[in-house]
Amino acid sequence: MSTSREFLSFLLEQLSYLDGISCRMMMGEYLIYYRGRVAAYVCGGRLLVKPVPSAVKMLPDAEYDSINEGGKKKLLRVDGVDNKELLTKLFIAMYDELTEQKRVSRR
């Protein structure tokens, strides 16, 4: 099941308190960037975040999930997507632990 545009729009609205949120379609699903760093995946109508220490601490009961069926469960599923304050705090807390994107040089 792929993610609907309505669900993606809802998530982006939930994250609207944050400056620097953007998204990009990738293989039919979406990546959410926070200030230029990959922070989350939106797959199959679910919000999945990287299990950096701050996310694990803020979401102690979150289950691990995968971006595709049958894949390794390496990401945390955020079930409280209707809680705008929680999502805002989560992304802010995660930022310093997210990997910076490598710049690709073009010749």
N, C-alpha and C. Protein backbone atom coordinates (compact mmCIF):
# COMPACT_ATOMS: atom_id res chain seq x y z
N MET A 1 0.85 -1.18 0.00
CA MET A 1 0.00 0.00 0.00
C MET A 1 0.90 1.24 0.00
N SER A 2 0.72 2.09 -0.98
CA SER A 2 1.53 3.30 -1.03
C SER A 2 0.87 4.42 -0.23
N THR A 3 1.64 5.43 0.05
CA THR A 3 1.17 6.56 0.85
C THR A 3 0.34 7.50 -0.01
N SER A 4 -0.78 7.93 0.50
CA SER A 4 -1.63 8.87 -0.24
C SER A 4 -1.07 10.29 -0.12
N ARG A 5 -1.36 11.11 -1.10
CA ARG A 5 -0.95 12.51 -1.05
C ARG A 5 -1.62 13.21 0.13
N GLU A 6 -2.83 12.78 0.49
CA GLU A 6 -3.54 13.38 1.62
C GLU A 6 -2.79 13.13 2.93
N PHE A 7 -2.28 11.90 3.10
CA PHE A 7 -1.53 11.59 4.32
C PHE A 7 -0.23 12.39 4.36
N LEU A 8 0.45 12.48 3.22
CA LEU A 8 1.68 13.27 3.17
C LEU A 8 1.39 14.73 3.50
N SER A 9 0.34 15.29 2.94
CA SER A 9 -0.05 16.68 3.22
C SER A 9 -0.36 16.86 4.71
N PHE A 10 -1.04 15.89 5.30
CA PHE A 10 -1.35 15.93 6.73
C PHE A 10 -0.05 15.97 7.54
N LEU A 11 0.90 15.10 7.21
CA LEU A 11 2.17 15.07 7.95
C LEU A 11 2.93 16.38 7.81
N LEU A 12 2.95 16.93 6.61
CA LEU A 12 3.65 18.20 6.40
C LEU A 12 2.99 19.33 7.18
N GLU A 13 1.68 19.28 7.31
CA GLU A 13 0.98 20.27 8.14
C GLU A 13 1.34 20.06 9.61
N GLN A 14 1.44 18.83 10.04
CA GLN A 14 1.81 18.55 11.42
C GLN A 14 3.21 19.05 11.74
N LEU A 15 4.07 19.12 10.73
CA LEU A 15 5.45 19.56 10.91
C LEU A 15 5.64 21.04 10.55
N SER A 16 4.55 21.74 10.35
CA SER A 16 4.63 23.12 9.85
C SER A 16 5.22 24.12 10.84
N TYR A 17 5.35 23.77 12.10
CA TYR A 17 5.99 24.66 13.08
C TYR A 17 7.50 24.73 12.84
N LEU A 18 8.04 23.78 12.11
CA LEU A 18 9.48 23.69 11.89
C LEU A 18 9.87 24.39 10.60
N ASP A 19 10.94 25.16 10.65
CA ASP A 19 11.52 25.73 9.44
C ASP A 19 12.43 24.67 8.82
N GLY A 20 12.42 24.59 7.51
CA GLY A 20 13.34 23.68 6.84
C GLY A 20 12.83 22.29 6.60
N ILE A 21 11.52 22.09 6.64
CA ILE A 21 10.94 20.78 6.31
C ILE A 21 10.70 20.74 4.80
N SER A 22 11.13 19.67 4.19
CA SER A 22 10.85 19.46 2.78
C SER A 22 10.68 17.96 2.56
N CYS A 23 10.15 17.60 1.41
CA CYS A 23 9.99 16.18 1.12
C CYS A 23 10.35 15.91 -0.33
N ARG A 24 10.64 14.67 -0.59
CA ARG A 24 11.02 14.26 -1.94
C ARG A 24 10.48 12.86 -2.17
N MET A 25 9.90 12.67 -3.34
CA MET A 25 9.39 11.34 -3.69
C MET A 25 10.56 10.44 -4.06
N MET A 26 10.48 9.21 -3.57
CA MET A 26 11.52 8.24 -3.90
C MET A 26 10.90 6.87 -4.02
N MET A 27 10.94 6.31 -5.19
CA MET A 27 10.39 4.98 -5.46
C MET A 27 8.94 4.84 -5.01
N GLY A 28 8.13 5.85 -5.25
CA GLY A 28 6.71 5.79 -4.93
C GLY A 28 6.36 6.18 -3.51
N GLU A 29 7.34 6.39 -2.67
CA GLU A 29 7.12 6.82 -1.30
C GLU A 29 7.86 8.13 -1.09
N TYR A 30 8.07 8.56 0.16
CA TYR A 30 8.61 9.89 0.40
C TYR A 30 9.69 9.89 1.47
N LEU A 31 10.64 10.80 1.29
CA LEU A 31 11.63 11.12 2.31
C LEU A 31 11.27 12.48 2.86
N ILE A 32 11.36 12.65 4.16
CA ILE A 32 11.16 13.97 4.76
C ILE A 32 12.51 14.45 5.27
N TYR A 33 12.86 15.65 4.85
CA TYR A 33 14.11 16.27 5.24
C TYR A 33 13.82 17.36 6.27
N TYR A 34 14.71 17.47 7.23
CA TYR A 34 14.65 18.57 8.19
C TYR A 34 15.98 19.31 8.10
N ARG A 35 15.90 20.54 7.65
CA ARG A 35 17.08 21.38 7.47
C ARG A 35 18.17 20.66 6.68
N GLY A 36 17.75 20.00 5.60
CA GLY A 36 18.67 19.36 4.68
C GLY A 36 19.12 17.97 5.04
N ARG A 37 18.65 17.42 6.14
CA ARG A 37 19.04 16.08 6.55
C ARG A 37 17.82 15.15 6.51
N VAL A 38 18.04 13.90 6.06
CA VAL A 38 16.95 12.94 6.03
C VAL A 38 16.56 12.62 7.46
N ALA A 39 15.30 12.90 7.80
CA ALA A 39 14.81 12.68 9.16
C ALA A 39 13.81 11.54 9.23
N ALA A 40 13.05 11.32 8.15
CA ALA A 40 11.98 10.33 8.22
C ALA A 40 11.64 9.80 6.83
N TYR A 41 10.95 8.68 6.85
CA TYR A 41 10.44 8.06 5.64
C TYR A 41 8.93 7.95 5.81
N VAL A 42 8.22 8.19 4.74
CA VAL A 42 6.77 8.02 4.76
C VAL A 42 6.49 6.90 3.77
N CYS A 43 6.13 5.75 4.30
CA CYS A 43 5.96 4.54 3.49
C CYS A 43 4.70 3.80 3.92
N GLY A 44 3.88 3.45 2.96
CA GLY A 44 2.69 2.67 3.27
C GLY A 44 1.78 3.32 4.29
N GLY A 45 1.70 4.66 4.26
CA GLY A 45 0.84 5.36 5.20
C GLY A 45 1.38 5.39 6.62
N ARG A 46 2.69 5.21 6.77
CA ARG A 46 3.32 5.22 8.10
C ARG A 46 4.46 6.24 8.10
N LEU A 47 4.71 6.84 9.26
CA LEU A 47 5.85 7.72 9.46
C LEU A 47 6.92 6.93 10.20
N LEU A 48 8.08 6.80 9.58
CA LEU A 48 9.18 6.04 10.15
C LEU A 48 10.37 6.97 10.32
N VAL A 49 10.96 6.99 11.51
CA VAL A 49 12.10 7.86 11.77
C VAL A 49 13.34 7.01 12.06
N LYS A 50 14.50 7.65 11.85
CA LYS A 50 15.75 6.97 12.15
C LYS A 50 15.83 6.75 13.66
N PRO A 51 16.33 5.59 14.08
CA PRO A 51 16.40 5.28 15.52
C PRO A 51 17.62 5.89 16.20
N VAL A 52 17.79 7.18 16.05
CA VAL A 52 18.87 7.87 16.75
C VAL A 52 18.53 7.90 18.24
N PRO A 53 19.52 8.05 19.12
CA PRO A 53 19.26 7.98 20.56
C PRO A 53 18.13 8.87 21.06
N SER A 54 18.04 10.09 20.55
CA SER A 54 16.97 10.98 21.03
C SER A 54 15.59 10.47 20.64
N ALA A 55 15.47 9.87 19.46
CA ALA A 55 14.17 9.32 19.03
C ALA A 55 13.80 8.11 19.87
N VAL A 56 14.76 7.26 20.14
CA VAL A 56 14.51 6.07 20.98
C VAL A 56 14.07 6.51 22.38
N LYS A 57 14.71 7.55 22.89
CA LYS A 57 14.36 8.05 24.23
C LYS A 57 12.96 8.66 24.25
N MET A 58 12.61 9.42 23.21
CA MET A 58 11.30 10.08 23.18
C MET A 58 10.16 9.12 22.85
N LEU A 59 10.49 8.03 22.16
CA LEU A 59 9.47 7.05 21.74
C LEU A 59 9.81 5.67 22.31
N PRO A 60 9.83 5.54 23.63
CA PRO A 60 10.30 4.29 24.23
C PRO A 60 9.45 3.06 23.89
N ASP A 61 8.20 3.26 23.53
CA ASP A 61 7.33 2.12 23.21
C ASP A 61 7.15 1.91 21.71
N ALA A 62 7.87 2.69 20.90
CA ALA A 62 7.72 2.58 19.44
C ALA A 62 8.25 1.24 18.96
N GLU A 63 7.57 0.70 17.96
CA GLU A 63 8.00 -0.55 17.36
C GLU A 63 8.91 -0.26 16.19
N TYR A 64 9.84 -1.17 15.95
CA TYR A 64 10.69 -1.06 14.77
C TYR A 64 9.92 -1.58 13.57
N ASP A 65 10.17 -0.94 12.43
CA ASP A 65 9.45 -1.30 11.22
C ASP A 65 10.40 -1.13 10.04
N SER A 66 9.97 -1.56 8.86
CA SER A 66 10.80 -1.43 7.67
C SER A 66 10.06 -0.62 6.61
N ILE A 67 10.83 -0.12 5.66
CA ILE A 67 10.20 0.69 4.61
C ILE A 67 9.47 -0.17 3.59
N ASN A 68 9.81 -1.46 3.55
CA ASN A 68 9.08 -2.33 2.63
C ASN A 68 8.76 -3.66 3.30
N GLU A 69 7.74 -4.29 2.83
CA GLU A 69 7.29 -5.55 3.42
C GLU A 69 8.38 -6.61 3.31
N GLY A 70 8.66 -7.24 4.41
CA GLY A 70 9.67 -8.28 4.43
C GLY A 70 11.09 -7.78 4.64
N GLY A 71 11.26 -6.46 4.69
CA GLY A 71 12.59 -5.89 4.89
C GLY A 71 12.98 -5.90 6.36
N LYS A 72 14.25 -5.56 6.60
CA LYS A 72 14.73 -5.49 7.98
C LYS A 72 14.06 -4.33 8.70
N LYS A 73 13.67 -4.57 9.92
CA LYS A 73 12.98 -3.56 10.71
C LYS A 73 14.02 -2.69 11.42
N LYS A 74 14.43 -1.60 10.74
CA LYS A 74 15.50 -0.76 11.24
C LYS A 74 15.04 0.64 11.63
N LEU A 75 13.79 0.97 11.40
CA LEU A 75 13.29 2.32 11.67
C LEU A 75 12.20 2.29 12.73
N LEU A 76 12.04 3.41 13.44
CA LEU A 76 10.99 3.51 14.46
C LEU A 76 9.70 4.02 13.84
N ARG A 77 8.60 3.33 14.10
CA ARG A 77 7.30 3.78 13.60
C ARG A 77 6.71 4.76 14.61
N VAL A 78 6.32 5.92 14.11
CA VAL A 78 5.72 6.95 14.96
C VAL A 78 4.21 6.80 14.84
N ASP A 79 3.58 6.37 15.92
CA ASP A 79 2.13 6.17 15.90
C ASP A 79 1.37 7.43 16.28
N GLY A 80 2.01 8.39 16.93
CA GLY A 80 1.33 9.60 17.38
C GLY A 80 1.41 10.75 16.40
N VAL A 81 1.15 10.48 15.12
CA VAL A 81 1.29 11.54 14.11
C VAL A 81 0.26 12.65 14.25
N ASP A 82 -0.78 12.42 15.04
CA ASP A 82 -1.78 13.46 15.25
C ASP A 82 -1.35 14.45 16.34
N ASN A 83 -0.22 14.21 16.98
CA ASN A 83 0.29 15.06 18.05
C ASN A 83 1.37 15.99 17.47
N LYS A 84 0.95 17.17 17.06
CA LYS A 84 1.83 18.13 16.40
C LYS A 84 3.00 18.54 17.30
N GLU A 85 2.73 18.72 18.58
CA GLU A 85 3.77 19.12 19.53
C GLU A 85 4.84 18.03 19.66
N LEU A 86 4.41 16.78 19.77
CA LEU A 86 5.34 15.66 19.86
C LEU A 86 6.23 15.59 18.62
N LEU A 87 5.63 15.69 17.44
CA LEU A 87 6.41 15.61 16.21
C LEU A 87 7.43 16.73 16.12
N THR A 88 7.01 17.93 16.50
CA THR A 88 7.92 19.08 16.47
C THR A 88 9.10 18.84 17.40
N LYS A 89 8.83 18.44 18.63
CA LYS A 89 9.90 18.17 19.61
C LYS A 89 10.80 17.03 19.14
N LEU A 90 10.20 16.00 18.55
CA LEU A 90 10.96 14.85 18.07
C LEU A 90 11.96 15.27 17.00
N PHE A 91 11.52 16.00 16.01
CA PHE A 91 12.41 16.40 14.91
C PHE A 91 13.51 17.34 15.41
N ILE A 92 13.18 18.25 16.32
CA ILE A 92 14.19 19.15 16.89
C ILE A 92 15.23 18.34 17.66
N ALA A 93 14.78 17.39 18.47
CA ALA A 93 15.70 16.57 19.27
C ALA A 93 16.60 15.71 18.38
N MET A 94 16.07 15.23 17.28
CA MET A 94 16.82 14.34 16.39
C MET A 94 17.86 15.05 15.55
N TYR A 95 17.67 16.33 15.27
CA TYR A 95 18.45 17.02 14.25
C TYR A 95 19.96 16.81 14.38
N ASP A 96 20.54 17.06 15.53
CA ASP A 96 22.00 16.97 15.68
C ASP A 96 22.53 15.55 15.48
N GLU A 97 21.66 14.56 15.58
CA GLU A 97 22.08 13.16 15.43
C GLU A 97 21.85 12.63 14.01
N LEU A 98 21.24 13.43 13.16
CA LEU A 98 20.99 13.01 11.79
C LEU A 98 22.24 13.22 10.95
N THR A 99 22.46 12.33 10.02
CA THR A 99 23.62 12.39 9.14
C THR A 99 23.46 13.52 8.13
N GLU A 100 24.53 14.30 7.97
CA GLU A 100 24.51 15.33 6.95
C GLU A 100 24.61 14.67 5.59
N GLN A 101 23.91 15.23 4.61
CA GLN A 101 23.93 14.69 3.27
C GLN A 101 25.26 15.03 2.60
N LYS A 102 25.85 14.06 1.95
CA LYS A 102 27.09 14.30 1.23
C LYS A 102 26.78 15.04 -0.06
N ARG A 103 27.58 16.01 -0.35
CA ARG A 103 27.41 16.76 -1.60
C ARG A 103 28.04 15.96 -2.74
N VAL A 104 27.30 15.87 -3.82
CA VAL A 104 27.78 15.15 -4.99
C VAL A 104 28.37 16.18 -5.94
N SER A 105 29.64 15.99 -6.29
CA SER A 105 30.25 16.93 -7.23
C SER A 105 29.91 16.51 -8.64
N ARG A 106 29.56 17.47 -9.41
CA ARG A 106 29.21 17.20 -10.82
C ARG A 106 30.30 17.79 -11.70
N ARG A 107 30.77 17.01 -12.61
CA ARG A 107 31.85 17.46 -13.50
C ARG A 107 31.36 17.73 -14.87
